[in-house]
Amino acid sequence: MAISQDPFLADLGPSTVVEPYPLDKNEFDFYDNPDEMRTEAPVASGSAHRVESSEEKMLRLRNTFLLKRSQFGFALPAHKLSALIAGDLSGAIVHPVLVHLCHLWGYMLDYHEQNQTWTYAPGKNGDEVVQMRLILGSLSGMLGLAPTPVTSLITYISMSIYFFHKNDVSRGQEFLTVAGDTVLKHDLDLAALANIPSGTESNDTYSIVPLDEYGELRSAFSHLIYTALAVNVVLTTPPLLDARLLDNFDLLMNTHVINNADINFMRAKSVRLLTQSRQLTAAWNNSHSPSPSWFDQYWKLIEKLHAHLGVLNPTQLRISFIPDAHVHGLVLKLASTMALAASADLHGIFAPSHVESSRRYRDAVIEIVSISSTFSVDDCQYLDPILPLCWSVATKRILDSEVLYENQESIMSTIRACNYNLQQALPFVGDFETSMMQ
């Protein structure tokens, strides 16, 4: 895929993550004097609208991003989110790099809402360049104490997703690779495995954000897994993660944190199970006589999917009762759709010739359609480009005329409508009828 010619990228200089963009201390003086920073021309005297102060604008930008934080996997404990909303640059609760990250994303989301594009016209990208320099300077320790490894991991992943939105696949992959290297360098995956709660802790509070530092680590590691696997299947890029990270996440998949929705973990587990189902299906298609070990893997994966869906369904229902958790609910619906697609994939192998498999395949597809039918046009901005691939995997047996159901035209029409709406809202969204997850 060609790298975008957005002039913003030229302002950043050559693609680099390890060596930050050249920094000039004077570029950061406006944070000591926020009243001197103005990005809009003064409103003429007598105008009905007053000028938005710099503090008001930055608060609005932070809120713009944080409203969508669960979509982008940005999960922090409640006290850290409060510090970000306040724009706390003291470093006492959150590292300033996360405040700059919120501003960067806020600028991009704000521009997209106004112009319906992720890339900029010449001369319109200066605000993001300033925030980018602050982020790179913070990560390198040039602006003070460097972030902790977990905060750096969260930042690298968020920067990766940011550049994918800019259609700069090269930089997106580069930041994602550095995120993986950060986990390996500091053994964050091993820390996630070593500090799993026993499940006996007493905590009556049900939370949709990480409950503590361990939850923050677990969430960040899970989000790395999800992002890397989603990029791999959506953009058909080579795998970006070291095999050790996937192996250790496979061990983590068997755990559960009591009283925490753990959204990033559930989404990562869903995509991991989906990629495993695709591998198993491919092995079936490529073999004239599958070995006993294939069938052993098949039944184990069926059991894992049923158990995972058994956690996702009540979690999704419970979150639907929490005020202002609509976006979190959409992320869980995405996780359910991926798990159901994996289930349909496996049952679909035997659906053409086995009655019970055919019934279970149909039920999984119908459940996916039921979930997809709840997505409004406005909801699509909070979803994910991986959805059409889920629909493609799930409906493959119908599209290939291997099975025939009475209501299948209604099924396909519902998915087509949702696919169209998704294409209008997000980048990298394909057509489920012509694309297929490998």
Protein backbone atom coordinates (compact mmCIF):
# COMPACT_ATOMS: atom_id res chain seq x y z
CA MET A 1 0.00 0.00 0.00
CA ALA A 2 1.40 3.40 -0.97
CA ILE A 3 2.30 5.81 1.81
CA SER A 4 0.13 8.90 1.94
CA GLN A 5 1.59 12.11 0.52
CA ASP A 6 -0.06 14.12 3.29
CA PRO A 7 2.17 17.20 3.80
CA PHE A 8 1.99 16.52 7.53
CA LEU A 9 4.34 13.61 6.99
CA ALA A 10 6.86 15.79 5.21
CA ASP A 11 6.89 18.14 8.19
CA LEU A 12 7.84 15.23 10.42
CA GLY A 13 10.89 14.39 8.36
CA PRO A 14 12.11 10.86 7.53
CA SER A 15 10.31 7.92 9.06
CA THR A 16 11.84 7.30 12.47
CA VAL A 17 10.76 6.15 15.89
CA VAL A 18 14.00 5.45 17.73
CA GLU A 19 15.56 8.80 16.84
CA PRO A 20 13.00 11.51 17.70
CA TYR A 21 12.23 14.49 15.54
CA PRO A 22 14.77 17.31 16.16
CA LEU A 23 13.53 19.38 19.05
CA ASP A 24 13.92 23.01 19.94
CA LYS A 25 13.14 24.02 23.51
CA ASN A 26 11.47 27.19 22.27
CA GLU A 27 8.83 25.09 20.59
CA PHE A 28 7.45 24.12 24.00
CA ASP A 29 7.33 27.57 25.58
CA PHE A 30 3.65 28.00 24.74
CA TYR A 31 2.80 25.38 27.38
CA ASP A 32 4.26 27.72 29.99
CA ASN A 33 2.22 30.55 28.49
CA PRO A 34 -1.01 28.95 27.22
CA ASP A 35 -2.72 32.31 26.80
CA GLU A 36 -0.24 33.20 24.06
CA MET A 37 -1.20 30.20 21.97
CA ARG A 38 -3.95 30.91 19.48
CA THR A 39 -4.83 28.74 16.51
CA GLU A 40 -7.81 30.76 15.29
CA ALA A 41 -8.06 34.33 14.13
CA PRO A 42 -9.79 36.73 16.56
CA VAL A 43 -13.51 37.10 16.02
CA ALA A 44 -14.50 40.51 14.69
CA SER A 45 -16.10 42.95 17.08
CA GLY A 46 -19.83 42.42 17.35
CA SER A 47 -19.65 38.77 16.29
CA ALA A 48 -22.11 36.41 17.95
CA HIS A 49 -19.34 33.92 18.76
CA ARG A 50 -16.48 34.58 21.14
CA VAL A 51 -13.00 33.19 20.66
CA GLU A 52 -12.44 29.80 22.26
CA SER A 53 -9.66 30.16 24.83
CA SER A 54 -6.64 27.91 24.57
CA GLU A 55 -7.62 26.12 27.81
CA GLU A 56 -11.14 25.50 26.51
CA LYS A 57 -9.87 24.24 23.19
CA MET A 58 -7.36 21.82 24.69
CA LEU A 59 -10.03 20.51 27.10
CA ARG A 60 -12.38 19.97 24.16
CA LEU A 61 -9.67 18.12 22.22
CA ARG A 62 -8.88 15.86 25.17
CA ASN A 63 -12.54 15.06 25.64
CA THR A 64 -12.97 14.37 21.92
CA PHE A 65 -10.35 11.64 22.11
CA LEU A 66 -11.26 10.27 25.52
CA LEU A 67 -14.89 9.87 24.44
CA LYS A 68 -13.64 7.31 21.90
CA ARG A 69 -10.85 5.87 24.04
CA SER A 70 -12.27 2.34 24.26
CA GLN A 71 -12.47 2.16 20.45
CA PHE A 72 -8.75 2.90 20.28
CA GLY A 73 -7.85 0.67 23.24
CA PHE A 74 -6.72 3.57 25.42
CA ALA A 75 -7.45 2.08 28.86
CA LEU A 76 -6.26 3.59 32.13
CA PRO A 77 -7.45 3.49 35.77
CA ALA A 78 -10.08 6.07 36.68
CA HIS A 79 -7.75 8.40 38.60
CA LYS A 80 -5.42 8.65 35.59
CA LEU A 81 -8.32 9.40 33.25
CA SER A 82 -9.37 12.20 35.60
CA ALA A 83 -5.86 13.65 35.44
CA LEU A 84 -5.94 13.53 31.64
CA ILE A 85 -9.29 15.29 31.49
CA ALA A 86 -7.83 18.00 33.72
CA GLY A 87 -4.79 18.28 31.43
CA ASP A 88 -2.43 17.63 34.35
CA LEU A 89 1.14 18.13 33.08
CA SER A 90 2.77 17.89 36.50
CA GLY A 91 3.61 14.21 36.10
CA ALA A 92 2.27 13.43 39.58
CA ILE A 93 -0.47 11.08 38.34
CA VAL A 94 0.11 10.62 34.61
CA HIS A 95 3.15 11.28 32.50
CA PRO A 96 2.73 14.43 30.35
CA VAL A 97 3.23 12.33 27.18
CA LEU A 98 -0.30 10.98 27.61
CA VAL A 99 -1.73 14.50 27.79
CA HIS A 100 0.10 15.39 24.56
CA LEU A 101 -1.19 12.15 23.02
CA CYS A 102 -4.78 13.14 23.85
CA HIS A 103 -4.21 16.53 22.21
CA LEU A 104 -2.71 14.95 19.08
CA TRP A 105 -5.63 12.57 18.66
CA GLY A 106 -8.09 15.30 19.50
CA TYR A 107 -6.73 17.49 16.72
CA MET A 108 -6.96 14.66 14.19
CA LEU A 109 -10.48 13.62 15.22
CA ASP A 110 -11.62 17.25 15.26
CA TYR A 111 -10.24 17.84 11.78
CA HIS A 112 -11.83 14.66 10.48
CA GLU A 113 -15.22 15.62 11.88
CA GLN A 114 -15.05 18.98 10.11
CA ASN A 115 -13.53 17.84 6.81
CA GLN A 116 -14.39 14.11 6.52
CA THR A 117 -10.76 13.23 5.79
CA TRP A 118 -7.83 12.06 7.89
CA THR A 119 -5.23 13.90 5.80
CA TYR A 120 -4.58 17.62 5.62
CA ALA A 121 -4.58 20.36 3.06
CA PRO A 122 -1.20 22.19 2.88
CA GLY A 123 -0.55 24.44 5.84
CA LYS A 124 -3.33 22.99 8.03
CA ASN A 125 -1.36 20.52 10.10
CA GLY A 126 0.82 22.66 12.36
CA ASP A 127 -1.04 21.86 15.57
CA GLU A 128 -0.44 18.13 15.17
CA VAL A 129 3.23 18.67 14.34
CA VAL A 130 3.67 20.53 17.65
CA GLN A 131 2.00 17.72 19.61
CA MET A 132 4.02 15.10 17.76
CA ARG A 133 7.25 16.84 18.74
CA LEU A 134 6.12 16.98 22.36
CA ILE A 135 5.35 13.25 22.31
CA LEU A 136 8.64 12.23 20.72
CA GLY A 137 10.55 14.53 23.04
CA SER A 138 8.78 13.07 26.06
CA LEU A 139 9.41 9.48 24.97
CA SER A 140 13.13 10.15 24.53
CA GLY A 141 13.43 11.86 27.93
CA MET A 142 14.43 15.18 26.36
CA LEU A 143 11.64 17.06 28.15
CA GLY A 144 12.09 15.52 31.58
CA LEU A 145 11.84 12.09 33.13
CA ALA A 146 11.06 9.45 30.49
CA PRO A 147 7.78 7.52 30.78
CA THR A 148 7.56 4.11 32.43
CA PRO A 149 7.71 1.09 30.10
CA VAL A 150 3.93 0.58 30.34
CA THR A 151 3.20 4.24 29.55
CA SER A 152 5.65 4.05 26.65
CA LEU A 153 3.91 0.92 25.40
CA ILE A 154 0.51 2.62 25.51
CA THR A 155 1.94 5.63 23.66
CA TYR A 156 3.66 3.58 20.96
CA ILE A 157 0.48 1.62 20.22
CA SER A 158 -1.61 4.79 20.08
CA MET A 159 0.90 6.40 17.75
CA SER A 160 0.79 3.34 15.53
CA ILE A 161 -2.99 3.54 15.20
CA TYR A 162 -2.71 7.29 14.60
CA PHE A 163 -0.42 6.76 11.61
CA PHE A 164 -2.58 3.97 10.22
CA HIS A 165 -5.43 6.49 10.17
CA LYS A 166 -3.11 8.78 8.21
CA ASN A 167 -2.63 5.94 5.70
CA ASP A 168 1.06 5.91 6.60
CA VAL A 169 1.36 2.15 6.91
CA SER A 170 5.16 2.25 7.18
CA ARG A 171 5.18 4.50 10.24
CA GLY A 172 2.26 2.64 11.74
CA GLN A 173 4.15 -0.64 11.50
CA GLU A 174 7.30 0.99 12.82
CA PHE A 175 5.63 2.23 16.00
CA LEU A 176 3.92 -1.14 16.45
CA THR A 177 7.26 -2.92 16.13
CA VAL A 178 8.82 -0.63 18.74
CA ALA A 179 5.84 -1.34 21.01
CA GLY A 180 6.57 -5.06 20.72
CA ASP A 181 10.26 -4.46 21.35
CA THR A 182 9.36 -2.49 24.49
CA VAL A 183 7.44 -5.45 25.86
CA LEU A 184 10.34 -7.80 25.16
CA LYS A 185 13.01 -5.44 26.53
CA HIS A 186 11.20 -4.96 29.83
CA ASP A 187 9.58 -8.43 30.02
CA LEU A 188 6.13 -6.88 30.29
CA ASP A 189 4.52 -10.06 28.96
CA LEU A 190 6.18 -12.06 31.73
CA ALA A 191 5.04 -9.48 34.29
CA ALA A 192 1.47 -9.83 33.03
CA LEU A 193 1.65 -13.59 33.53
CA ALA A 194 3.37 -13.37 36.90
CA ASN A 195 0.87 -11.02 38.54
CA ILE A 196 -2.48 -12.57 37.66
CA PRO A 197 -5.00 -11.93 40.49
CA SER A 198 -5.97 -15.10 42.32
CA GLY A 199 -9.68 -14.33 42.07
CA THR A 200 -10.10 -14.33 45.85
CA GLU A 201 -9.65 -10.57 46.23
CA SER A 202 -12.70 -8.81 47.61
CA ASN A 203 -13.84 -5.98 45.33
CA ASP A 204 -17.49 -5.06 45.03
CA THR A 205 -16.94 -2.42 42.33
CA TYR A 206 -17.60 -3.46 38.75
CA SER A 207 -15.36 -1.48 36.42
CA ILE A 208 -15.05 -0.86 32.70
CA VAL A 209 -11.53 0.55 33.13
CA PRO A 210 -8.45 -1.14 34.60
CA LEU A 211 -8.71 -1.37 38.37
CA ASP A 212 -5.01 -1.00 39.17
CA GLU A 213 -1.48 -0.97 37.78
CA TYR A 214 -1.65 -4.67 36.93
CA GLY A 215 -4.90 -4.12 35.04
CA GLU A 216 -3.25 -1.29 33.11
CA LEU A 217 -0.35 -3.56 32.13
CA ARG A 218 -2.64 -6.45 31.17
CA SER A 219 -4.81 -4.12 29.12
CA ALA A 220 -1.85 -2.53 27.30
CA PHE A 221 -0.28 -5.90 26.48
CA SER A 222 -3.65 -7.20 25.26
CA HIS A 223 -4.12 -4.14 23.09
CA LEU A 224 -0.73 -4.69 21.47
CA ILE A 225 -1.80 -8.24 20.57
CA TYR A 226 -5.13 -7.06 19.17
CA THR A 227 -3.64 -4.21 17.13
CA ALA A 228 -0.88 -6.35 15.63
CA LEU A 229 -3.24 -9.19 14.68
CA ALA A 230 -5.90 -6.82 13.33
CA VAL A 231 -3.32 -4.98 11.20
CA ASN A 232 -2.04 -8.31 9.93
CA VAL A 233 -5.47 -9.48 8.73
CA VAL A 234 -6.92 -6.14 7.59
CA LEU A 235 -3.86 -4.90 5.69
CA THR A 236 -2.52 -8.39 4.86
CA THR A 237 0.90 -7.42 6.19
CA PRO A 238 3.50 -9.88 7.51
CA PRO A 239 3.29 -10.70 11.24
CA LEU A 240 4.79 -7.91 13.34
CA LEU A 241 5.13 -9.60 16.74
CA ASP A 242 7.72 -11.93 18.16
CA ALA A 243 6.29 -15.45 18.60
CA ARG A 244 7.04 -15.27 22.33
CA LEU A 245 4.45 -12.52 22.77
CA LEU A 246 1.71 -14.55 21.09
CA ASP A 247 2.66 -17.66 23.08
CA ASN A 248 2.47 -15.77 26.36
CA PHE A 249 -0.82 -14.15 25.42
CA ASP A 250 -2.17 -17.63 24.71
CA LEU A 251 -1.33 -18.47 28.33
CA LEU A 252 -2.94 -15.23 29.52
CA MET A 253 -6.12 -16.07 27.59
CA ASN A 254 -7.02 -18.68 30.20
CA THR A 255 -7.29 -16.07 32.96
CA HIS A 256 -10.08 -13.75 34.06
CA VAL A 257 -10.05 -10.67 36.30
CA ILE A 258 -13.01 -10.56 38.68
CA ASN A 259 -15.28 -7.49 38.51
CA ASN A 260 -13.52 -5.93 35.55
CA ALA A 261 -14.88 -5.90 32.00
CA ASP A 262 -11.27 -5.93 30.75
CA ILE A 263 -12.36 -4.80 27.28
CA ASN A 264 -8.93 -4.81 25.62
CA PHE A 265 -8.29 -8.33 26.84
CA MET A 266 -11.63 -9.63 25.58
CA ARG A 267 -11.15 -8.03 22.17
CA ALA A 268 -7.62 -9.41 21.87
CA LYS A 269 -8.80 -12.87 22.90
CA SER A 270 -11.54 -12.76 20.25
CA VAL A 271 -9.18 -11.86 17.41
CA ARG A 272 -6.66 -14.45 18.57
CA LEU A 273 -9.33 -17.18 18.53
CA LEU A 274 -10.45 -15.97 15.10
CA THR A 275 -6.94 -16.20 13.66
CA GLN A 276 -6.58 -19.66 15.18
CA SER A 277 -9.85 -20.79 13.59
CA ARG A 278 -8.64 -19.54 10.21
CA GLN A 279 -5.40 -21.49 10.60
CA LEU A 280 -7.33 -24.63 11.48
CA THR A 281 -9.73 -24.19 8.56
CA ALA A 282 -6.83 -23.64 6.17
CA ALA A 283 -5.17 -26.83 7.44
CA TRP A 284 -8.43 -28.72 6.77
CA ASN A 285 -8.72 -27.31 3.26
CA ASN A 286 -5.11 -28.20 2.47
CA SER A 287 -5.29 -31.77 3.75
CA HIS A 288 -7.04 -34.74 2.19
CA SER A 289 -6.83 -36.64 5.46
CA PRO A 290 -6.48 -34.49 8.62
CA SER A 291 -4.54 -36.08 11.45
CA PRO A 292 -6.01 -36.94 14.86
CA SER A 293 -4.16 -33.90 16.26
CA TRP A 294 -6.20 -31.66 13.93
CA PHE A 295 -9.44 -32.96 15.43
CA ASP A 296 -8.01 -32.52 18.92
CA GLN A 297 -7.24 -28.86 18.14
CA TYR A 298 -10.69 -28.48 16.60
CA TRP A 299 -12.59 -29.57 19.71
CA LYS A 300 -10.34 -27.61 22.05
CA LEU A 301 -10.93 -24.45 20.01
CA ILE A 302 -14.69 -25.08 19.98
CA GLU A 303 -14.60 -25.32 23.79
CA LYS A 304 -12.55 -22.12 24.11
CA LEU A 305 -14.98 -20.22 21.90
CA HIS A 306 -18.03 -21.38 23.84
CA ALA A 307 -16.36 -20.42 27.12
CA HIS A 308 -15.31 -17.02 25.76
CA LEU A 309 -18.79 -16.26 24.44
CA GLY A 310 -20.11 -17.33 27.83
CA VAL A 311 -18.12 -14.47 29.38
CA LEU A 312 -18.74 -11.92 26.62
CA ASN A 313 -22.54 -12.22 26.59
CA PRO A 314 -23.21 -11.39 30.27
CA THR A 315 -20.48 -8.74 30.24
CA GLN A 316 -22.10 -7.05 27.26
CA LEU A 317 -25.49 -7.18 28.97
CA ARG A 318 -24.13 -5.82 32.23
CA ILE A 319 -22.36 -2.93 30.54
CA SER A 320 -25.59 -2.00 28.73
CA PHE A 321 -26.95 -0.96 32.14
CA ILE A 322 -24.04 1.39 32.84
CA PRO A 323 -24.77 5.02 31.90
CA ASP A 324 -22.47 6.56 29.29
CA ALA A 325 -20.93 3.18 28.40
CA HIS A 326 -22.35 2.95 24.88
CA VAL A 327 -18.96 2.98 23.15
CA HIS A 328 -17.67 0.29 25.50
CA GLY A 329 -20.70 -1.78 24.58
CA LEU A 330 -19.91 -1.39 20.89
CA VAL A 331 -16.36 -2.66 21.48
CA LEU A 332 -17.77 -5.72 23.23
CA LYS A 333 -20.17 -6.29 20.33
CA LEU A 334 -17.15 -6.24 18.04
CA ALA A 335 -15.43 -8.79 20.28
CA SER A 336 -18.56 -10.97 20.18
CA THR A 337 -18.74 -10.70 16.40
CA MET A 338 -15.14 -11.88 16.03
CA ALA A 339 -15.74 -14.84 18.35
CA LEU A 340 -18.98 -15.75 16.57
CA ALA A 341 -17.21 -15.54 13.21
CA ALA A 342 -14.64 -18.00 14.52
CA SER A 343 -17.43 -20.28 15.66
CA ALA A 344 -19.16 -20.06 12.29
CA ASP A 345 -15.84 -20.76 10.60
CA LEU A 346 -15.35 -23.99 12.53
CA HIS A 347 -18.95 -25.23 12.34
CA GLY A 348 -19.01 -24.28 8.67
CA ILE A 349 -16.41 -26.91 7.85
CA PHE A 350 -18.97 -29.67 8.42
CA ALA A 351 -22.16 -27.64 7.80
CA PRO A 352 -22.72 -28.91 4.22
CA SER A 353 -22.87 -32.54 5.36
CA HIS A 354 -23.68 -32.57 9.08
CA VAL A 355 -27.09 -31.46 10.38
CA GLU A 356 -26.01 -30.31 13.85
CA SER A 357 -23.00 -28.41 12.47
CA SER A 358 -25.28 -26.77 9.90
CA ARG A 359 -27.65 -25.63 12.65
CA ARG A 360 -24.85 -24.23 14.77
CA TYR A 361 -23.29 -22.51 11.76
CA ARG A 362 -26.63 -20.87 10.94
CA ASP A 363 -27.16 -19.82 14.57
CA ALA A 364 -23.72 -18.16 14.70
CA VAL A 365 -24.39 -16.27 11.46
CA ILE A 366 -27.82 -15.16 12.64
CA GLU A 367 -26.37 -13.92 15.93
CA ILE A 368 -23.77 -11.91 14.02
CA VAL A 369 -26.53 -10.38 11.90
CA SER A 370 -28.54 -9.64 15.03
CA ILE A 371 -25.58 -7.74 16.51
CA SER A 372 -24.81 -5.94 13.23
CA SER A 373 -28.42 -4.80 12.86
CA THR A 374 -28.08 -2.81 16.10
CA PHE A 375 -25.30 -0.60 14.68
CA SER A 376 -26.63 2.83 13.78
CA VAL A 377 -24.94 5.06 11.20
CA ASP A 378 -23.44 7.06 14.07
CA ASP A 379 -22.16 3.88 15.74
CA CYS A 380 -19.96 3.05 12.74
CA GLN A 381 -17.37 5.68 13.66
CA TYR A 382 -16.67 3.69 16.86
CA LEU A 383 -16.28 0.30 15.15
CA ASP A 384 -13.35 -1.37 13.38
CA PRO A 385 -12.24 -2.22 9.81
CA ILE A 386 -11.94 -5.88 10.81
CA LEU A 387 -15.74 -6.27 10.80
CA PRO A 388 -16.13 -6.97 7.04
CA LEU A 389 -13.58 -9.76 7.35
CA CYS A 390 -15.64 -11.25 10.17
CA TRP A 391 -18.76 -11.07 7.99
CA SER A 392 -16.83 -12.63 5.12
CA VAL A 393 -15.59 -15.54 7.23
CA ALA A 394 -19.02 -16.10 8.75
CA THR A 395 -20.99 -16.05 5.49
CA LYS A 396 -18.47 -17.90 3.31
CA ARG A 397 -20.53 -21.10 3.15
CA ILE A 398 -23.59 -19.07 2.10
CA LEU A 399 -21.66 -17.00 -0.44
CA ASP A 400 -20.18 -20.20 -1.91
CA SER A 401 -23.64 -21.84 -2.03
CA GLU A 402 -22.43 -24.70 0.15
CA VAL A 403 -25.46 -24.28 2.42
CA LEU A 404 -28.92 -22.89 1.75
CA TYR A 405 -31.21 -21.26 4.33
CA GLU A 406 -34.66 -19.76 3.90
CA ASN A 407 -33.76 -16.30 5.24
CA GLN A 408 -30.28 -15.98 3.78
CA GLU A 409 -31.12 -13.09 1.47
CA SER A 410 -32.30 -11.09 4.48
CA ILE A 411 -29.05 -12.00 6.22
CA MET A 412 -26.94 -10.74 3.34
CA SER A 413 -28.98 -7.54 2.92
CA THR A 414 -28.51 -6.59 6.58
CA ILE A 415 -24.76 -7.09 6.39
CA ARG A 416 -24.48 -5.19 3.08
CA ALA A 417 -26.20 -2.16 4.59
CA CYS A 418 -23.91 -2.18 7.63
CA ASN A 419 -20.84 -2.69 5.43
CA TYR A 420 -21.77 0.37 3.36
CA ASN A 421 -22.21 2.55 6.46
CA LEU A 422 -18.89 1.36 7.84
CA GLN A 423 -17.10 2.27 4.60
CA GLN A 424 -18.30 5.85 4.96
CA ALA A 425 -16.96 6.17 8.51
CA LEU A 426 -13.60 4.37 8.74
CA PRO A 427 -10.42 3.85 6.70
CA PHE A 428 -9.35 0.43 5.36
CA VAL A 429 -12.90 -0.95 5.28
CA GLY A 430 -13.32 -3.57 2.55
CA ASP A 431 -16.32 -5.28 0.99
CA PHE A 432 -17.21 -8.47 2.83
CA GLU A 433 -18.40 -10.16 -0.36
CA THR A 434 -15.11 -9.69 -2.20
CA SER A 435 -12.50 -9.80 0.57
CA MET A 436 -11.54 -12.83 2.61
CA MET A 437 -9.49 -13.16 5.75
CA GLN A 438 -6.48 -15.39 5.23
